[in-house]
Amino acid sequence: MAAWRAVTGVGVLLTLLSSAQVYADERDLYLFAQWAGDHETRTFRQMLVDARLYGIVPIHQLLRSASDWRQCSAQPFAVAPVAQWPAVRSTLQLLKTLTDRGVLPRYEVVSAYRNPALNRCAGGAVDSAHTRAFAVDVLLPSWADPNPLCQFWQTQGKAWNMGLGRYPSGRIHIDTAGFRTWGGDFSAGSSFCALPGAGRPQSK
């Protein structure tokens, strides 16, 4: 009986890991568990629970730093300073709304908070919303249509103070640090979701 329970437990664990497995980034639950063993995340998790935002984004994705962490000799995950947690909550509230309304039915967060040194090394803008914990970079499945996201930004983005950008890599940047949009050359004019007359360069 004990052996059966052990096998069943392993099966459940593998099922959970499989269902949460990322499709674009090596920083999975296994790597996160190793990192979290040496870093404090309990208070951050409790903040999310208290705000009823825990699980909106899997914790190992929400704490991913820049994708260039190896090249920059940095940590694969990072917890934003406590003073910036309101920014985390505002962007998670937006992601929850986008998910609940079917605008983003499925996505993977590949970069969230970055400390300023890592952000510089990774080529981020000096005033990047990532350094203030407002931003996430996401990847959508190949079948996903980004137009509903554009339509949400055009009609409700200002109320959310929402920034929306898309890079040549296919990543989409979402934040709550200012109503703006940009595309491959970091100007609003190159955005897949530009408003008429827009063209000013933006900070990512």
N, C-alpha and C. Protein backbone atom coordinates (compact mmCIF):
# COMPACT_ATOMS: atom_id res chain seq x y z
N MET A 1 0.83 -1.21 0.00
CA MET A 1 0.00 0.00 0.00
C MET A 1 0.87 1.26 0.00
N ALA A 2 1.89 1.24 0.86
CA ALA A 2 2.79 2.39 0.93
C ALA A 2 3.50 2.60 -0.40
N ALA A 3 3.92 1.48 -1.00
CA ALA A 3 4.60 1.59 -2.29
C ALA A 3 3.66 2.15 -3.34
N TRP A 4 2.38 1.70 -3.31
CA TRP A 4 1.41 2.21 -4.27
C TRP A 4 1.21 3.71 -4.10
N ARG A 5 1.14 4.15 -2.83
CA ARG A 5 0.98 5.58 -2.56
C ARG A 5 2.18 6.36 -3.07
N ALA A 6 3.37 5.80 -2.89
CA ALA A 6 4.57 6.49 -3.34
C ALA A 6 4.56 6.64 -4.85
N VAL A 7 4.20 5.55 -5.54
CA VAL A 7 4.14 5.60 -7.00
C VAL A 7 3.09 6.60 -7.46
N THR A 8 1.92 6.55 -6.79
CA THR A 8 0.85 7.49 -7.13
C THR A 8 1.29 8.93 -6.91
N GLY A 9 1.98 9.16 -5.79
CA GLY A 9 2.46 10.51 -5.50
C GLY A 9 3.41 11.02 -6.56
N VAL A 10 4.32 10.15 -6.98
CA VAL A 10 5.25 10.53 -8.04
C VAL A 10 4.50 10.84 -9.32
N GLY A 11 3.49 10.00 -9.62
CA GLY A 11 2.70 10.23 -10.83
C GLY A 11 1.99 11.56 -10.82
N VAL A 12 1.41 11.91 -9.66
CA VAL A 12 0.73 13.20 -9.53
C VAL A 12 1.72 14.35 -9.72
N LEU A 13 2.91 14.21 -9.10
CA LEU A 13 3.91 15.25 -9.23
C LEU A 13 4.32 15.44 -10.68
N LEU A 14 4.57 14.32 -11.38
CA LEU A 14 4.97 14.42 -12.77
C LEU A 14 3.87 15.03 -13.63
N THR A 15 2.62 14.71 -13.30
CA THR A 15 1.50 15.29 -14.04
C THR A 15 1.45 16.80 -13.84
N LEU A 16 1.63 17.25 -12.59
CA LEU A 16 1.62 18.68 -12.31
C LEU A 16 2.76 19.39 -13.02
N LEU A 17 3.94 18.77 -12.97
CA LEU A 17 5.08 19.38 -13.64
C LEU A 17 4.86 19.44 -15.13
N SER A 18 4.29 18.38 -15.69
CA SER A 18 4.05 18.35 -17.12
C SER A 18 3.05 19.41 -17.52
N SER A 19 1.99 19.60 -16.73
CA SER A 19 0.97 20.57 -17.08
C SER A 19 1.47 21.98 -16.95
N ALA A 20 2.48 22.19 -16.10
CA ALA A 20 3.01 23.53 -15.90
C ALA A 20 4.25 23.78 -16.74
N GLN A 21 4.68 22.78 -17.49
CA GLN A 21 5.94 22.88 -18.20
C GLN A 21 5.92 24.01 -19.21
N VAL A 22 6.99 24.76 -19.28
CA VAL A 22 7.08 25.88 -20.19
C VAL A 22 7.40 25.38 -21.59
N TYR A 23 7.17 26.22 -22.56
CA TYR A 23 7.47 25.83 -23.92
C TYR A 23 8.51 26.74 -24.56
N ALA A 24 9.13 27.61 -23.77
CA ALA A 24 10.10 28.51 -24.37
C ALA A 24 11.32 28.80 -23.51
N ASP A 25 11.26 28.50 -22.24
CA ASP A 25 12.32 28.93 -21.33
C ASP A 25 12.77 27.78 -20.45
N GLU A 26 14.07 27.65 -20.27
CA GLU A 26 14.63 26.55 -19.50
C GLU A 26 14.40 26.69 -18.00
N ARG A 27 13.99 27.86 -17.55
CA ARG A 27 13.85 28.09 -16.11
C ARG A 27 12.52 27.50 -15.62
N ASP A 28 12.53 26.21 -15.41
CA ASP A 28 11.32 25.49 -15.07
C ASP A 28 11.19 25.31 -13.56
N LEU A 29 10.25 24.48 -13.14
CA LEU A 29 10.01 24.26 -11.72
C LEU A 29 11.20 23.62 -11.02
N TYR A 30 11.92 22.76 -11.71
CA TYR A 30 13.08 22.11 -11.11
C TYR A 30 14.16 23.14 -10.77
N LEU A 31 14.47 24.01 -11.75
CA LEU A 31 15.48 25.03 -11.52
C LEU A 31 15.01 26.02 -10.46
N PHE A 32 13.72 26.34 -10.48
CA PHE A 32 13.18 27.26 -9.48
C PHE A 32 13.29 26.67 -8.08
N ALA A 33 12.98 25.40 -7.94
CA ALA A 33 13.08 24.75 -6.63
C ALA A 33 14.50 24.81 -6.08
N GLN A 34 15.48 24.61 -6.96
CA GLN A 34 16.88 24.70 -6.54
C GLN A 34 17.21 26.11 -6.09
N TRP A 35 16.77 27.10 -6.87
CA TRP A 35 17.05 28.50 -6.53
C TRP A 35 16.34 28.91 -5.25
N ALA A 36 15.07 28.54 -5.13
CA ALA A 36 14.27 28.96 -3.98
C ALA A 36 14.79 28.39 -2.68
N GLY A 37 15.53 27.30 -2.76
CA GLY A 37 16.09 26.73 -1.54
C GLY A 37 17.07 27.66 -0.84
N ASP A 38 17.65 28.58 -1.60
CA ASP A 38 18.63 29.52 -1.04
C ASP A 38 18.13 30.96 -1.03
N HIS A 39 16.87 31.18 -1.37
CA HIS A 39 16.35 32.54 -1.44
C HIS A 39 14.97 32.61 -0.79
N GLU A 40 14.70 33.70 -0.13
CA GLU A 40 13.44 33.89 0.57
C GLU A 40 12.33 34.31 -0.40
N THR A 41 11.30 33.52 -0.48
CA THR A 41 10.15 33.85 -1.33
C THR A 41 8.83 33.80 -0.56
N ARG A 42 8.89 33.36 0.69
CA ARG A 42 7.66 33.13 1.45
C ARG A 42 6.85 34.40 1.64
N THR A 43 7.51 35.51 1.97
CA THR A 43 6.79 36.76 2.20
C THR A 43 6.15 37.27 0.92
N PHE A 44 6.87 37.12 -0.19
CA PHE A 44 6.33 37.53 -1.48
C PHE A 44 5.11 36.70 -1.84
N ARG A 45 5.20 35.40 -1.63
CA ARG A 45 4.06 34.52 -1.90
C ARG A 45 2.86 34.90 -1.04
N GLN A 46 3.11 35.19 0.23
CA GLN A 46 2.01 35.55 1.12
C GLN A 46 1.35 36.84 0.67
N MET A 47 2.15 37.79 0.18
CA MET A 47 1.58 39.03 -0.35
C MET A 47 0.62 38.73 -1.49
N LEU A 48 1.00 37.81 -2.38
CA LEU A 48 0.13 37.45 -3.50
C LEU A 48 -1.14 36.76 -3.01
N VAL A 49 -0.99 35.89 -2.02
CA VAL A 49 -2.17 35.22 -1.45
C VAL A 49 -3.12 36.25 -0.84
N ASP A 50 -2.58 37.17 -0.05
CA ASP A 50 -3.41 38.19 0.60
C ASP A 50 -4.13 39.06 -0.42
N ALA A 51 -3.48 39.30 -1.56
CA ALA A 51 -4.08 40.12 -2.62
C ALA A 51 -4.97 39.31 -3.55
N ARG A 52 -5.10 38.01 -3.27
CA ARG A 52 -5.87 37.09 -4.11
C ARG A 52 -5.35 37.08 -5.55
N LEU A 53 -4.04 37.11 -5.67
CA LEU A 53 -3.40 37.12 -6.98
C LEU A 53 -2.44 35.94 -7.15
N TYR A 54 -2.36 35.09 -6.15
CA TYR A 54 -1.45 33.96 -6.26
C TYR A 54 -1.98 32.98 -7.32
N GLY A 55 -1.11 32.57 -8.22
CA GLY A 55 -1.49 31.63 -9.25
C GLY A 55 -1.93 32.26 -10.56
N ILE A 56 -2.09 33.57 -10.58
CA ILE A 56 -2.41 34.24 -11.86
C ILE A 56 -1.32 33.93 -12.87
N VAL A 57 -0.09 34.01 -12.41
CA VAL A 57 1.09 33.57 -13.17
C VAL A 57 1.81 32.56 -12.30
N PRO A 58 2.20 31.40 -12.83
CA PRO A 58 2.96 30.44 -12.04
C PRO A 58 4.17 31.13 -11.39
N ILE A 59 4.41 30.82 -10.13
CA ILE A 59 5.43 31.56 -9.38
C ILE A 59 6.80 31.48 -10.03
N HIS A 60 7.14 30.34 -10.65
CA HIS A 60 8.47 30.23 -11.25
C HIS A 60 8.57 31.11 -12.49
N GLN A 61 7.45 31.44 -13.13
CA GLN A 61 7.48 32.36 -14.26
C GLN A 61 7.47 33.81 -13.77
N LEU A 62 6.67 34.09 -12.75
CA LEU A 62 6.56 35.45 -12.24
C LEU A 62 7.89 35.97 -11.69
N LEU A 63 8.74 35.07 -11.21
CA LEU A 63 10.02 35.49 -10.64
C LEU A 63 11.19 35.34 -11.61
N ARG A 64 10.92 35.04 -12.86
CA ARG A 64 12.02 34.98 -13.83
C ARG A 64 12.61 36.36 -14.06
N SER A 65 13.92 36.43 -14.07
CA SER A 65 14.61 37.69 -14.34
C SER A 65 14.76 37.81 -15.86
N ALA A 66 15.85 38.41 -16.32
CA ALA A 66 16.06 38.55 -17.77
C ALA A 66 16.48 37.21 -18.37
N SER A 67 16.12 37.01 -19.62
CA SER A 67 16.50 35.76 -20.30
C SER A 67 18.00 35.65 -20.48
N ASP A 68 18.71 36.78 -20.44
CA ASP A 68 20.17 36.79 -20.59
C ASP A 68 20.88 36.62 -19.26
N TRP A 69 20.22 36.00 -18.29
CA TRP A 69 20.81 35.91 -16.96
C TRP A 69 22.14 35.17 -16.96
N ARG A 70 22.26 34.12 -17.78
CA ARG A 70 23.52 33.38 -17.82
C ARG A 70 24.65 34.26 -18.36
N GLN A 71 24.40 34.89 -19.51
CA GLN A 71 25.43 35.73 -20.12
C GLN A 71 25.83 36.89 -19.21
N CYS A 72 24.89 37.32 -18.38
CA CYS A 72 25.15 38.44 -17.48
C CYS A 72 25.62 37.99 -16.09
N SER A 73 25.85 36.69 -15.93
CA SER A 73 26.30 36.14 -14.64
C SER A 73 25.38 36.57 -13.51
N ALA A 74 24.08 36.47 -13.76
CA ALA A 74 23.07 36.89 -12.79
C ALA A 74 22.26 35.68 -12.34
N GLN A 75 21.30 35.93 -11.47
CA GLN A 75 20.42 34.89 -10.97
C GLN A 75 19.28 34.64 -11.97
N PRO A 76 18.82 33.40 -12.08
CA PRO A 76 17.73 33.11 -13.01
C PRO A 76 16.38 33.65 -12.56
N PHE A 77 16.25 33.91 -11.25
CA PHE A 77 14.99 34.41 -10.69
C PHE A 77 15.31 35.58 -9.77
N ALA A 78 14.30 36.40 -9.50
CA ALA A 78 14.51 37.54 -8.61
C ALA A 78 13.18 37.97 -8.01
N VAL A 79 13.24 38.37 -6.74
CA VAL A 79 12.09 38.94 -6.05
C VAL A 79 12.26 40.45 -6.01
N ALA A 80 11.27 41.18 -6.47
CA ALA A 80 11.34 42.64 -6.46
C ALA A 80 11.40 43.16 -5.03
N PRO A 81 12.02 44.32 -4.82
CA PRO A 81 12.01 44.93 -3.48
C PRO A 81 10.58 45.17 -3.00
N VAL A 82 10.40 45.11 -1.69
CA VAL A 82 9.07 45.23 -1.09
C VAL A 82 8.39 46.53 -1.53
N ALA A 83 9.14 47.60 -1.64
CA ALA A 83 8.55 48.89 -2.03
C ALA A 83 7.91 48.85 -3.41
N GLN A 84 8.29 47.87 -4.23
CA GLN A 84 7.76 47.77 -5.59
C GLN A 84 6.63 46.73 -5.72
N TRP A 85 6.24 46.13 -4.65
CA TRP A 85 5.19 45.11 -4.73
C TRP A 85 3.84 45.66 -5.19
N PRO A 86 3.49 46.92 -4.88
CA PRO A 86 2.25 47.46 -5.47
C PRO A 86 2.27 47.42 -7.00
N ALA A 87 3.43 47.61 -7.60
CA ALA A 87 3.54 47.53 -9.05
C ALA A 87 3.29 46.11 -9.54
N VAL A 88 3.80 45.13 -8.80
CA VAL A 88 3.55 43.73 -9.14
C VAL A 88 2.06 43.46 -9.13
N ARG A 89 1.40 43.93 -8.10
CA ARG A 89 -0.04 43.69 -7.96
C ARG A 89 -0.83 44.35 -9.10
N SER A 90 -0.45 45.56 -9.48
CA SER A 90 -1.21 46.25 -10.54
C SER A 90 -1.10 45.50 -11.86
N THR A 91 0.08 45.00 -12.18
CA THR A 91 0.24 44.27 -13.45
C THR A 91 -0.43 42.91 -13.38
N LEU A 92 -0.39 42.25 -12.24
CA LEU A 92 -1.09 40.97 -12.10
C LEU A 92 -2.61 41.16 -12.20
N GLN A 93 -3.12 42.25 -11.68
CA GLN A 93 -4.55 42.53 -11.82
C GLN A 93 -4.92 42.67 -13.29
N LEU A 94 -4.05 43.33 -14.05
CA LEU A 94 -4.28 43.46 -15.48
C LEU A 94 -4.25 42.10 -16.17
N LEU A 95 -3.24 41.29 -15.85
CA LEU A 95 -3.15 39.96 -16.46
C LEU A 95 -4.36 39.10 -16.10
N LYS A 96 -4.84 39.22 -14.88
CA LYS A 96 -6.04 38.48 -14.47
C LYS A 96 -7.23 38.90 -15.32
N THR A 97 -7.38 40.19 -15.53
CA THR A 97 -8.48 40.70 -16.34
C THR A 97 -8.37 40.21 -17.77
N LEU A 98 -7.16 40.25 -18.33
CA LEU A 98 -6.96 39.79 -19.70
C LEU A 98 -7.26 38.30 -19.83
N THR A 99 -6.92 37.53 -18.81
CA THR A 99 -7.20 36.10 -18.84
C THR A 99 -8.70 35.83 -18.68
N ASP A 100 -9.32 36.49 -17.70
CA ASP A 100 -10.74 36.27 -17.43
C ASP A 100 -11.61 36.63 -18.63
N ARG A 101 -11.19 37.60 -19.41
CA ARG A 101 -11.98 38.04 -20.55
C ARG A 101 -11.61 37.31 -21.84
N GLY A 102 -10.68 36.37 -21.74
CA GLY A 102 -10.30 35.59 -22.91
C GLY A 102 -9.38 36.32 -23.87
N VAL A 103 -8.84 37.46 -23.44
CA VAL A 103 -7.92 38.21 -24.29
C VAL A 103 -6.57 37.49 -24.37
N LEU A 104 -6.14 36.94 -23.24
CA LEU A 104 -4.91 36.15 -23.18
C LEU A 104 -5.27 34.78 -22.60
N PRO A 105 -5.81 33.89 -23.40
CA PRO A 105 -6.21 32.59 -22.86
C PRO A 105 -5.04 31.74 -22.41
N ARG A 106 -3.88 31.93 -23.04
CA ARG A 106 -2.70 31.18 -22.65
C ARG A 106 -1.45 31.97 -23.02
N TYR A 107 -0.51 32.01 -22.10
CA TYR A 107 0.74 32.74 -22.35
C TYR A 107 1.78 32.24 -21.37
N GLU A 108 3.02 32.58 -21.65
CA GLU A 108 4.13 32.23 -20.78
C GLU A 108 4.93 33.49 -20.46
N VAL A 109 5.12 33.78 -19.18
CA VAL A 109 5.96 34.91 -18.77
C VAL A 109 7.41 34.47 -18.81
N VAL A 110 8.22 35.16 -19.59
CA VAL A 110 9.63 34.80 -19.72
C VAL A 110 10.56 35.81 -19.05
N SER A 111 10.03 36.95 -18.64
CA SER A 111 10.85 37.93 -17.93
C SER A 111 9.93 38.88 -17.18
N ALA A 112 10.26 39.13 -15.91
CA ALA A 112 9.46 40.06 -15.11
C ALA A 112 10.42 41.09 -14.47
N TYR A 113 10.55 41.05 -13.13
CA TYR A 113 11.43 42.04 -12.49
C TYR A 113 12.88 41.77 -12.81
N ARG A 114 13.62 42.86 -13.09
CA ARG A 114 15.06 42.79 -13.28
C ARG A 114 15.72 43.88 -12.43
N ASN A 115 16.76 43.53 -11.72
CA ASN A 115 17.47 44.59 -11.02
C ASN A 115 18.20 45.45 -12.06
N PRO A 116 18.51 46.69 -11.72
CA PRO A 116 19.08 47.61 -12.72
C PRO A 116 20.36 47.10 -13.39
N ALA A 117 21.23 46.42 -12.64
CA ALA A 117 22.48 45.93 -13.23
C ALA A 117 22.20 44.88 -14.29
N LEU A 118 21.31 43.94 -14.01
CA LEU A 118 20.96 42.92 -14.99
C LEU A 118 20.24 43.55 -16.17
N ASN A 119 19.39 44.51 -15.90
CA ASN A 119 18.67 45.17 -16.99
C ASN A 119 19.63 45.86 -17.96
N ARG A 120 20.66 46.50 -17.41
CA ARG A 120 21.67 47.15 -18.28
C ARG A 120 22.39 46.11 -19.11
N CYS A 121 22.81 45.03 -18.47
CA CYS A 121 23.54 43.99 -19.18
C CYS A 121 22.68 43.35 -20.27
N ALA A 122 21.38 43.22 -20.01
CA ALA A 122 20.47 42.59 -20.95
C ALA A 122 20.02 43.54 -22.06
N GLY A 123 20.46 44.81 -22.01
CA GLY A 123 20.11 45.76 -23.06
C GLY A 123 18.78 46.45 -22.86
N GLY A 124 18.24 46.42 -21.63
CA GLY A 124 16.98 47.08 -21.36
C GLY A 124 17.13 48.59 -21.30
N ALA A 125 16.03 49.29 -21.50
CA ALA A 125 16.03 50.75 -21.41
C ALA A 125 16.40 51.19 -20.00
N VAL A 126 17.02 52.36 -19.89
CA VAL A 126 17.47 52.86 -18.59
C VAL A 126 16.31 52.96 -17.62
N ASP A 127 15.16 53.44 -18.09
CA ASP A 127 14.00 53.60 -17.22
C ASP A 127 12.99 52.48 -17.43
N SER A 128 13.47 51.29 -17.76
CA SER A 128 12.60 50.15 -18.05
C SER A 128 11.62 49.88 -16.92
N ALA A 129 10.38 49.60 -17.30
CA ALA A 129 9.37 49.22 -16.30
C ALA A 129 9.73 47.92 -15.60
N HIS A 130 10.60 47.11 -16.21
CA HIS A 130 11.04 45.87 -15.57
C HIS A 130 11.80 46.17 -14.27
N THR A 131 12.56 47.26 -14.24
CA THR A 131 13.33 47.58 -13.04
C THR A 131 12.45 48.12 -11.92
N ARG A 132 11.21 48.45 -12.26
CA ARG A 132 10.26 48.96 -11.25
C ARG A 132 9.15 47.96 -10.97
N ALA A 133 9.32 46.75 -11.49
CA ALA A 133 8.42 45.61 -11.23
C ALA A 133 7.03 45.78 -11.84
N PHE A 134 6.89 46.68 -12.81
CA PHE A 134 5.60 46.88 -13.47
C PHE A 134 5.41 45.95 -14.67
N ALA A 135 6.49 45.35 -15.18
CA ALA A 135 6.44 44.75 -16.52
C ALA A 135 6.61 43.24 -16.52
N VAL A 136 5.99 42.63 -17.54
CA VAL A 136 6.26 41.23 -17.88
C VAL A 136 6.43 41.15 -19.39
N ASP A 137 7.33 40.29 -19.81
CA ASP A 137 7.43 39.92 -21.22
C ASP A 137 6.82 38.54 -21.36
N VAL A 138 5.93 38.39 -22.33
CA VAL A 138 5.23 37.12 -22.49
C VAL A 138 5.40 36.59 -23.91
N LEU A 139 5.28 35.29 -24.02
CA LEU A 139 5.20 34.63 -25.31
C LEU A 139 3.84 33.98 -25.42
N LEU A 140 3.23 34.12 -26.59
CA LEU A 140 1.96 33.48 -26.86
C LEU A 140 2.18 32.22 -27.67
N PRO A 141 1.30 31.25 -27.57
CA PRO A 141 1.39 30.08 -28.44
C PRO A 141 1.31 30.51 -29.91
N SER A 142 1.82 29.69 -30.80
CA SER A 142 1.85 30.04 -32.22
C SER A 142 0.45 30.24 -32.78
N TRP A 143 -0.55 29.60 -32.17
CA TRP A 143 -1.91 29.70 -32.68
C TRP A 143 -2.66 30.92 -32.14
N ALA A 144 -2.08 31.62 -31.19
CA ALA A 144 -2.81 32.71 -30.53
C ALA A 144 -2.89 33.95 -31.42
N ASP A 145 -4.02 34.60 -31.38
CA ASP A 145 -4.26 35.83 -32.13
C ASP A 145 -4.01 37.03 -31.21
N PRO A 146 -3.04 37.90 -31.53
CA PRO A 146 -2.75 39.05 -30.66
C PRO A 146 -3.73 40.20 -30.83
N ASN A 147 -4.61 40.14 -31.82
CA ASN A 147 -5.50 41.26 -32.09
C ASN A 147 -6.44 41.59 -30.92
N PRO A 148 -6.99 40.59 -30.20
CA PRO A 148 -7.81 40.95 -29.04
C PRO A 148 -7.03 41.75 -27.99
N LEU A 149 -5.73 41.48 -27.86
CA LEU A 149 -4.90 42.24 -26.93
C LEU A 149 -4.78 43.68 -27.41
N CYS A 150 -4.59 43.85 -28.70
CA CYS A 150 -4.52 45.19 -29.28
C CYS A 150 -5.83 45.94 -29.05
N GLN A 151 -6.94 45.28 -29.29
CA GLN A 151 -8.24 45.92 -29.13
C GLN A 151 -8.48 46.32 -27.68
N PHE A 152 -8.04 45.48 -26.75
CA PHE A 152 -8.18 45.83 -25.33
C PHE A 152 -7.36 47.07 -25.03
N TRP A 153 -6.11 47.10 -25.53
CA TRP A 153 -5.25 48.26 -25.28
C TRP A 153 -5.87 49.53 -25.85
N GLN A 154 -6.41 49.45 -27.05
CA GLN A 154 -6.98 50.63 -27.70
C GLN A 154 -8.20 51.15 -26.96
N THR A 155 -9.01 50.26 -26.42
CA THR A 155 -10.27 50.68 -25.79
C THR A 155 -10.18 50.86 -24.28
N GLN A 156 -9.30 50.11 -23.63
CA GLN A 156 -9.25 50.16 -22.17
C GLN A 156 -7.86 50.36 -21.60
N GLY A 157 -6.87 50.43 -22.48
CA GLY A 157 -5.49 50.55 -22.02
C GLY A 157 -5.21 51.79 -21.21
N LYS A 158 -5.84 52.90 -21.59
CA LYS A 158 -5.59 54.15 -20.86
C LYS A 158 -6.06 54.05 -19.42
N ALA A 159 -7.19 53.41 -19.21
CA ALA A 159 -7.71 53.26 -17.85
C ALA A 159 -6.80 52.39 -16.99
N TRP A 160 -6.11 51.46 -17.63
CA TRP A 160 -5.19 50.57 -16.91
C TRP A 160 -3.77 51.12 -16.87
N ASN A 161 -3.53 52.28 -17.50
CA ASN A 161 -2.16 52.80 -17.60
C ASN A 161 -1.25 51.76 -18.26
N MET A 162 -1.74 51.16 -19.31
CA MET A 162 -1.14 49.95 -19.89
C MET A 162 -0.15 50.26 -21.00
N GLY A 163 1.03 49.69 -20.88
CA GLY A 163 2.01 49.72 -21.95
C GLY A 163 1.99 48.41 -22.70
N LEU A 164 2.09 48.47 -24.03
CA LEU A 164 2.03 47.28 -24.86
C LEU A 164 3.06 47.40 -25.98
N GLY A 165 3.99 46.46 -26.01
CA GLY A 165 5.00 46.45 -27.06
C GLY A 165 5.22 45.05 -27.59
N ARG A 166 5.72 44.97 -28.80
CA ARG A 166 6.10 43.66 -29.34
C ARG A 166 7.44 43.79 -30.03
N TYR A 167 8.34 42.84 -29.73
CA TYR A 167 9.69 42.86 -30.26
C TYR A 167 9.82 41.90 -31.45
N PRO A 168 10.87 42.07 -32.26
CA PRO A 168 11.07 41.18 -33.40
C PRO A 168 11.12 39.70 -33.02
N SER A 169 11.54 39.41 -31.79
CA SER A 169 11.60 38.02 -31.32
C SER A 169 10.22 37.39 -31.17
N GLY A 170 9.19 38.22 -31.16
CA GLY A 170 7.84 37.73 -30.94
C GLY A 170 7.35 37.96 -29.52
N ARG A 171 8.23 38.34 -28.64
CA ARG A 171 7.81 38.61 -27.27
C ARG A 171 6.91 39.84 -27.21
N ILE A 172 5.96 39.78 -26.31
CA ILE A 172 5.06 40.90 -26.09
C ILE A 172 5.29 41.42 -24.68
N HIS A 173 5.50 42.72 -24.58
CA HIS A 173 5.74 43.39 -23.30
C HIS A 173 4.41 44.01 -22.83
N ILE A 174 4.07 43.74 -21.58
CA ILE A 174 2.87 44.31 -20.98
C ILE A 174 3.25 44.92 -19.64
N ASP A 175 2.81 46.15 -19.40
CA ASP A 175 3.06 46.76 -18.10
C ASP A 175 1.91 47.68 -17.72
N THR A 176 1.99 48.21 -16.52
CA THR A 176 1.02 49.21 -16.05
C THR A 176 1.77 50.46 -15.60
N ALA A 177 2.75 50.85 -16.41
CA ALA A 177 3.62 51.99 -16.08
C ALA A 177 3.40 53.17 -17.01
N GLY A 178 2.37 53.15 -17.84
CA GLY A 178 2.11 54.27 -18.74
C GLY A 178 1.44 53.80 -20.02
N PHE A 179 0.46 54.55 -20.47
CA PHE A 179 -0.28 54.21 -21.68
C PHE A 179 0.56 54.56 -22.91
N ARG A 180 1.06 53.52 -23.59
CA ARG A 180 1.92 53.70 -24.75
C ARG A 180 2.04 52.37 -25.47
N THR A 181 2.59 52.41 -26.67
CA THR A 181 2.81 51.20 -27.44
C THR A 181 4.02 51.39 -28.32
N TRP A 182 4.65 50.28 -28.72
CA TRP A 182 5.81 50.35 -29.59
C TRP A 182 6.01 49.01 -30.30
N GLY A 183 6.85 49.08 -31.32
CA GLY A 183 7.15 47.88 -32.09
C GLY A 183 8.64 47.64 -32.18
N GLY A 184 9.08 47.05 -33.30
CA GLY A 184 10.46 46.60 -33.43
C GLY A 184 11.52 47.67 -33.31
N ASP A 185 11.20 48.91 -33.71
CA ASP A 185 12.20 49.98 -33.59
C ASP A 185 11.94 50.85 -32.36
N PHE A 186 11.08 50.35 -31.46
CA PHE A 186 10.75 51.02 -30.21
C PHE A 186 9.99 52.33 -30.40
N SER A 187 9.38 52.50 -31.56
CA SER A 187 8.51 53.65 -31.78
C SER A 187 7.07 53.17 -31.89
N ALA A 188 6.14 54.05 -31.56
CA ALA A 188 4.73 53.69 -31.64
C ALA A 188 4.31 53.42 -33.08
N GLY A 189 4.99 54.05 -34.02
CA GLY A 189 4.64 53.87 -35.42
C GLY A 189 4.86 52.47 -35.93
N SER A 190 5.75 51.71 -35.30
CA SER A 190 6.02 50.35 -35.75
C SER A 190 5.23 49.31 -34.95
N SER A 191 4.39 49.77 -34.03
CA SER A 191 3.62 48.84 -33.22
C SER A 191 2.56 48.13 -34.05
N PHE A 192 2.26 46.89 -33.69
CA PHE A 192 1.17 46.18 -34.34
C PHE A 192 -0.18 46.73 -33.89
N CYS A 193 -0.12 47.68 -32.96
CA CYS A 193 -1.35 48.19 -32.36
C CYS A 193 -1.30 49.70 -32.18
N ALA A 194 -0.76 50.41 -33.16
CA ALA A 194 -0.59 51.84 -33.02
C ALA A 194 -1.91 52.58 -33.20
N LEU A 195 -2.05 53.69 -32.47
CA LEU A 195 -3.16 54.58 -32.67
C LEU A 195 -2.81 55.57 -33.79
N PRO A 196 -3.78 56.11 -34.49
CA PRO A 196 -3.49 57.08 -35.56
C PRO A 196 -2.67 58.25 -35.05
N GLY A 197 -1.64 58.58 -35.84
CA GLY A 197 -0.79 59.72 -35.50
C GLY A 197 0.31 59.43 -34.52
N ALA A 198 0.41 58.18 -34.05
CA ALA A 198 1.46 57.83 -33.08
C ALA A 198 2.77 57.56 -33.79
N GLY A 199 3.88 57.90 -33.15
CA GLY A 199 5.17 57.64 -33.76
C GLY A 199 6.35 57.92 -32.88
N ARG A 200 6.06 58.35 -31.63
CA ARG A 200 7.14 58.74 -30.73
C ARG A 200 7.80 57.51 -30.12
N PRO A 201 9.16 57.46 -30.03
CA PRO A 201 9.84 56.31 -29.40
C PRO A 201 9.38 56.16 -27.95
N GLN A 202 9.34 54.91 -27.50
CA GLN A 202 8.87 54.61 -26.15
C GLN A 202 9.95 53.89 -25.37
N SER A 203 9.81 53.88 -24.04
CA SER A 203 10.73 53.11 -23.21
C SER A 203 10.11 51.78 -22.91
N LYS A 204 10.91 50.71 -23.02
CA LYS A 204 10.36 49.37 -22.82
C LYS A 204 10.41 48.95 -21.36
